[in-house]
Amino acid sequence: MLQEFFETAKSDFLATFDGAWIFPILIISIIWIMVKEKEWSRKFLLGILPLAFLALYWCPLSGQLFIKLLGEDVYWRVLWLIPLAAVIPYAGCMLLKMLTGVKRQIAFVGLMALLVLGGKSVLSKEWFEVSTNVYKIPQYVVDVCDLLPGNIHAVMSNRLTPYVRLYDPTITLEYARNALIFNSIEDVSNRGATANLYKTVQESEIDVDVVGPLAREQGCTFLVFSLNRTYKGNWEDYGYREYGTTSEFRIFVDVNYEEGQDTRKWEE
């Protein structure tokens, strides 16, 4: 149990701070504030409190509690409690306040250079790409939505759920990003139809005998899955047929659906 916790904490910590000098800069800033700051409230907020959050992050008792409450996949968000954007600039300002004239100017340039050289550009190809449409969402989402009618209720691939309603808010989804919490739960049999439906369609081979009845029970008119998915069973046995495909997705529709029919679960 402890070993698993420390592995999770270590991997999340390295993923957050790896490749930059931000953590050593943070520690130096905290030490500087603890030594030089005379006002107790500022020393507490910008020195003691960040250290306390670091201790809570690495402490197995508090750490396992956070993992239970937040989920293992997002434990790294505990590190967001550390006020990096306040601690580091404040420590830098304290240093500049102690200097005058040319020394202050040189120190200012040096601190800016340290931050620039110690980080990396956020406007890199690793995080951004040129948009292919005015909506600034992946083109494969636009391709799927252009095939679908409006005012429908659907089950969709996880790759689509964060964006579909940005393009067409008249489409309601059986689950969206909030369903990711089910990834960390092995047995969802007692969590309701939506949870069971979500877990089943995550398999590379989708069991139609399970998904078909669940989708119909939840009133899902359209089902959209990646082309790399295979299927065990016959969709027609549960009242679904193939509706269309894009370069990356296959769409199924309820055979009883009529063009223009409103099957949404809720209205805007």
Protein backbone atom coordinates (compact mmCIF):
# COMPACT_ATOMS: atom_id res chain seq x y z
CA MET A 1 0.00 0.00 0.00
CA LEU A 2 2.73 2.45 1.01
CA GLN A 3 4.87 1.48 -1.94
CA GLU A 4 2.00 2.12 -4.36
CA PHE A 5 1.38 5.53 -2.76
CA PHE A 6 5.01 6.62 -3.04
CA GLU A 7 5.18 5.42 -6.66
CA THR A 8 2.09 7.49 -7.49
CA ALA A 9 3.39 10.52 -5.59
CA LYS A 10 6.83 10.25 -7.19
CA SER A 11 5.53 9.86 -10.76
CA ASP A 12 3.09 12.77 -10.37
CA PHE A 13 5.75 14.95 -8.75
CA LEU A 14 8.27 14.29 -11.52
CA ALA A 15 5.64 14.80 -14.22
CA THR A 16 4.84 18.20 -12.68
CA PHE A 17 8.37 19.52 -12.12
CA ASP A 18 10.55 17.50 -14.50
CA GLY A 19 12.38 19.40 -17.23
CA ALA A 20 12.35 22.76 -15.42
CA TRP A 21 14.14 24.50 -12.57
CA ILE A 22 10.90 25.61 -10.94
CA PHE A 23 11.11 23.31 -7.91
CA PRO A 24 14.65 24.25 -6.80
CA ILE A 25 13.74 27.89 -7.41
CA LEU A 26 10.66 27.37 -5.24
CA ILE A 27 12.67 25.84 -2.38
CA ILE A 28 15.27 28.63 -2.52
CA SER A 29 12.45 31.20 -2.52
CA ILE A 30 10.78 29.62 0.50
CA ILE A 31 14.05 29.56 2.44
CA TRP A 32 14.74 33.18 1.48
CA ILE A 33 11.29 34.26 2.69
CA MET A 34 11.63 32.28 5.93
CA VAL A 35 14.97 33.95 6.69
CA LYS A 36 14.38 37.51 5.48
CA GLU A 37 10.66 38.19 5.96
CA LYS A 38 9.93 39.91 9.25
CA GLU A 39 6.14 40.08 9.04
CA TRP A 40 4.68 36.88 10.50
CA SER A 41 1.56 36.69 8.30
CA ARG A 42 3.58 36.84 5.07
CA LYS A 43 6.14 34.39 6.40
CA PHE A 44 3.30 32.00 7.24
CA LEU A 45 1.43 32.34 3.92
CA LEU A 46 4.46 32.31 1.60
CA GLY A 47 6.94 30.25 3.61
CA ILE A 48 5.43 27.90 6.16
CA LEU A 49 2.21 27.10 4.26
CA PRO A 50 3.92 25.94 1.02
CA LEU A 51 6.18 23.66 3.09
CA ALA A 52 3.10 22.29 4.85
CA PHE A 53 1.45 21.51 1.51
CA LEU A 54 4.60 19.71 0.36
CA ALA A 55 4.60 17.70 3.58
CA LEU A 56 0.91 16.81 3.11
CA TYR A 57 1.65 15.70 -0.45
CA TRP A 58 4.39 13.28 0.61
CA CYS A 59 2.75 12.14 3.86
CA PRO A 60 1.21 8.65 3.32
CA LEU A 61 -1.73 9.33 5.66
CA SER A 62 -2.89 12.58 4.06
CA GLY A 63 -1.79 11.42 0.62
CA GLN A 64 -3.88 8.26 0.65
CA LEU A 65 -6.85 10.28 1.90
CA PHE A 66 -6.48 12.71 -1.02
CA ILE A 67 -6.18 9.82 -3.48
CA LYS A 68 -9.36 8.28 -2.07
CA LEU A 69 -11.20 11.60 -2.37
CA LEU A 70 -9.80 12.83 -5.69
CA GLY A 71 -8.75 9.64 -7.46
CA GLU A 72 -5.28 8.34 -8.26
CA ASP A 73 -5.28 9.87 -11.74
CA VAL A 74 -5.51 13.44 -10.42
CA TYR A 75 -3.43 13.27 -7.23
CA TRP A 76 -0.93 15.66 -8.83
CA ARG A 77 -3.49 18.44 -8.44
CA VAL A 78 -2.63 18.58 -4.74
CA LEU A 79 0.57 20.31 -5.89
CA TRP A 80 -1.62 23.13 -7.20
CA LEU A 81 -2.17 24.14 -3.58
CA ILE A 82 1.42 25.42 -3.48
CA PRO A 83 1.24 29.13 -4.46
CA LEU A 84 4.17 29.08 -6.87
CA ALA A 85 3.04 32.24 -8.64
CA ALA A 86 3.11 34.17 -5.36
CA VAL A 87 6.12 32.67 -3.56
CA ILE A 88 8.73 32.98 -6.31
CA PRO A 89 7.90 36.56 -7.42
CA TYR A 90 7.66 37.73 -3.79
CA ALA A 91 11.07 36.29 -2.96
CA GLY A 92 12.49 37.97 -6.06
CA CYS A 93 10.95 41.31 -5.06
CA MET A 94 12.43 40.97 -1.57
CA LEU A 95 15.86 40.55 -3.13
CA LEU A 96 15.41 43.53 -5.46
CA LYS A 97 14.20 45.68 -2.55
CA MET A 98 17.53 45.11 -0.79
CA LEU A 99 19.49 46.40 -3.79
CA THR A 100 19.76 49.79 -5.41
CA GLY A 101 20.90 51.33 -8.67
CA VAL A 102 22.74 49.21 -11.20
CA LYS A 103 22.86 46.23 -8.86
CA ARG A 104 19.07 46.09 -8.76
CA GLN A 105 18.84 46.29 -12.56
CA ILE A 106 21.42 43.53 -13.00
CA ALA A 107 19.63 41.36 -10.43
CA PHE A 108 16.29 41.94 -12.18
CA VAL A 109 17.69 40.87 -15.55
CA GLY A 110 19.38 37.88 -13.91
CA LEU A 111 16.17 36.72 -12.24
CA MET A 112 14.22 37.04 -15.50
CA ALA A 113 16.92 35.10 -17.35
CA LEU A 114 16.81 32.40 -14.65
CA LEU A 115 13.06 31.95 -15.12
CA VAL A 116 13.32 31.93 -18.91
CA LEU A 117 16.24 29.52 -19.09
CA GLY A 118 14.83 27.31 -16.33
CA GLY A 119 11.48 26.75 -18.02
CA LYS A 120 10.24 25.90 -21.45
CA SER A 121 7.98 27.58 -23.95
CA VAL A 122 4.30 26.75 -23.47
CA LEU A 123 3.62 27.70 -27.09
CA SER A 124 5.38 24.58 -28.35
CA LYS A 125 4.19 21.89 -30.74
CA GLU A 126 4.01 19.55 -27.76
CA TRP A 127 0.94 21.42 -26.49
CA PHE A 128 -0.39 23.37 -29.46
CA GLU A 129 -1.09 22.76 -33.10
CA VAL A 130 -2.48 24.91 -35.89
CA SER A 131 -6.27 24.79 -35.88
CA THR A 132 -7.97 23.48 -39.01
CA ASN A 133 -11.33 25.13 -38.28
CA VAL A 134 -12.73 28.32 -36.79
CA TYR A 135 -14.02 26.43 -33.74
CA LYS A 136 -10.42 25.52 -32.76
CA ILE A 137 -11.37 21.94 -31.95
CA PRO A 138 -9.99 18.75 -33.52
CA GLN A 139 -11.12 18.32 -37.12
CA TYR A 140 -12.30 14.76 -36.44
CA VAL A 141 -14.91 16.21 -34.06
CA VAL A 142 -16.23 18.52 -36.79
CA ASP A 143 -16.36 15.61 -39.24
CA VAL A 144 -18.49 13.54 -36.86
CA CYS A 145 -20.81 16.39 -35.90
CA ASP A 146 -21.39 17.31 -39.55
CA LEU A 147 -22.75 13.81 -40.12
CA LEU A 148 -25.02 13.83 -37.09
CA PRO A 149 -28.41 15.54 -36.94
CA GLY A 150 -29.17 17.91 -34.10
CA ASN A 151 -31.35 17.33 -31.03
CA ILE A 152 -30.15 13.79 -30.36
CA HIS A 153 -28.86 11.80 -27.40
CA ALA A 154 -25.64 9.84 -27.96
CA VAL A 155 -22.86 7.69 -26.56
CA MET A 156 -19.48 8.70 -27.92
CA SER A 157 -15.79 7.89 -27.79
CA ASN A 158 -13.81 9.62 -25.03
CA ARG A 159 -11.90 11.46 -27.73
CA LEU A 160 -15.09 13.24 -28.77
CA THR A 161 -16.89 13.95 -25.50
CA PRO A 162 -14.89 17.06 -24.43
CA TYR A 163 -15.62 18.85 -27.72
CA VAL A 164 -18.91 17.74 -29.27
CA ARG A 165 -21.15 20.14 -27.38
CA LEU A 166 -18.80 23.03 -28.17
CA TYR A 167 -19.64 22.46 -31.82
CA ASP A 168 -23.29 21.45 -31.45
CA PRO A 169 -24.89 22.04 -28.03
CA THR A 170 -28.15 20.43 -29.19
CA ILE A 171 -26.46 17.01 -28.84
CA THR A 172 -26.75 15.56 -25.34
CA LEU A 173 -24.28 12.91 -24.16
CA GLU A 174 -24.91 9.91 -21.91
CA TYR A 175 -21.57 10.67 -20.24
CA ALA A 176 -18.78 13.16 -20.68
CA ARG A 177 -15.43 13.82 -19.01
CA ASN A 178 -16.93 13.29 -15.55
CA ALA A 179 -17.19 9.58 -16.41
CA LEU A 180 -13.38 9.28 -16.27
CA ILE A 181 -13.76 8.63 -12.56
CA PHE A 182 -15.01 5.15 -13.45
CA ASN A 183 -11.56 4.30 -14.86
CA SER A 184 -10.22 3.85 -11.33
CA ILE A 185 -13.13 1.63 -10.25
CA GLU A 186 -12.83 -2.04 -11.14
CA ASP A 187 -16.39 -3.11 -10.35
CA VAL A 188 -19.12 -0.68 -11.46
CA SER A 189 -21.94 -3.23 -11.44
CA ASN A 190 -23.68 -1.35 -8.63
CA ARG A 191 -23.03 2.12 -10.07
CA GLY A 192 -25.92 2.23 -12.54
CA ALA A 193 -26.43 1.75 -16.25
CA THR A 194 -24.34 4.73 -17.34
CA ALA A 195 -21.25 3.54 -15.46
CA ASN A 196 -21.63 0.02 -16.86
CA LEU A 197 -22.11 1.38 -20.36
CA TYR A 198 -19.02 3.56 -20.07
CA LYS A 199 -16.78 0.75 -18.80
CA THR A 200 -17.97 -1.70 -21.47
CA VAL A 201 -17.29 0.60 -24.42
CA GLN A 202 -13.70 1.18 -23.23
CA GLU A 203 -12.79 -2.34 -24.33
CA SER A 204 -11.01 -2.79 -27.66
CA GLU A 205 -13.63 -5.41 -28.51
CA ILE A 206 -17.04 -4.06 -27.57
CA ASP A 207 -19.55 -6.63 -26.33
CA VAL A 208 -22.69 -5.71 -28.27
CA ASP A 209 -24.79 -8.04 -26.12
CA VAL A 210 -23.99 -5.79 -23.16
CA VAL A 211 -23.79 -2.35 -24.81
CA GLY A 212 -26.91 -2.77 -26.98
CA PRO A 213 -29.44 -3.25 -24.14
CA LEU A 214 -27.76 -0.60 -21.94
CA ALA A 215 -27.72 1.99 -24.74
CA ARG A 216 -31.38 1.32 -25.54
CA GLU A 217 -32.31 1.45 -21.86
CA GLN A 218 -30.66 4.88 -21.56
CA GLY A 219 -32.33 6.19 -24.72
CA CYS A 220 -29.12 6.58 -26.75
CA THR A 221 -30.15 7.23 -30.36
CA PHE A 222 -26.62 7.40 -31.77
CA LEU A 223 -23.46 5.48 -30.85
CA VAL A 224 -20.08 6.72 -32.04
CA PHE A 225 -16.93 4.62 -31.64
CA SER A 226 -13.39 4.68 -33.04
CA LEU A 227 -12.77 2.70 -36.21
CA ASN A 228 -10.19 0.58 -34.39
CA ARG A 229 -12.92 -0.96 -32.21
CA THR A 230 -14.15 -4.44 -33.02
CA TYR A 231 -17.51 -5.88 -32.01
CA LYS A 232 -18.71 -9.13 -30.53
CA GLY A 233 -22.36 -9.58 -31.46
CA ASN A 234 -24.85 -8.11 -33.89
CA TRP A 235 -26.08 -4.53 -33.49
CA GLU A 236 -29.27 -5.27 -35.42
CA ASP A 237 -30.35 -7.68 -32.68
CA TYR A 238 -30.72 -4.64 -30.42
CA GLY A 239 -32.22 -2.24 -32.92
CA TYR A 240 -29.13 -0.41 -34.16
CA ARG A 241 -27.65 -0.14 -37.66
CA GLU A 242 -24.62 1.55 -39.17
CA TYR A 243 -25.33 5.20 -39.95
CA GLY A 244 -22.05 6.40 -41.43
CA THR A 245 -18.29 6.69 -40.98
CA THR A 246 -15.59 9.32 -40.97
CA SER A 247 -11.87 8.81 -41.35
CA GLU A 248 -11.63 7.89 -37.64
CA PHE A 249 -15.09 6.96 -36.34
CA ARG A 250 -18.05 4.68 -37.06
CA ILE A 251 -21.57 5.82 -36.23
CA PHE A 252 -24.56 3.61 -35.36
CA VAL A 253 -28.19 4.75 -35.11
CA ASP A 254 -31.41 3.46 -33.59
CA VAL A 255 -33.42 1.88 -36.43
CA ASN A 256 -36.55 3.59 -35.09
CA TYR A 257 -35.01 7.04 -35.32
CA GLU A 258 -36.76 9.40 -37.74
CA GLU A 259 -35.01 12.38 -39.29
CA GLY A 260 -35.76 15.53 -37.30
CA GLN A 261 -36.85 13.60 -34.20
CA ASP A 262 -35.85 15.14 -30.86
CA THR A 263 -34.32 12.46 -28.65
CA ARG A 264 -32.38 14.69 -26.24
CA LYS A 265 -32.45 13.80 -22.56
CA TRP A 266 -32.69 17.45 -21.60
CA GLU A 267 -33.21 20.80 -23.28
CA GLU A 268 -30.84 23.75 -23.29
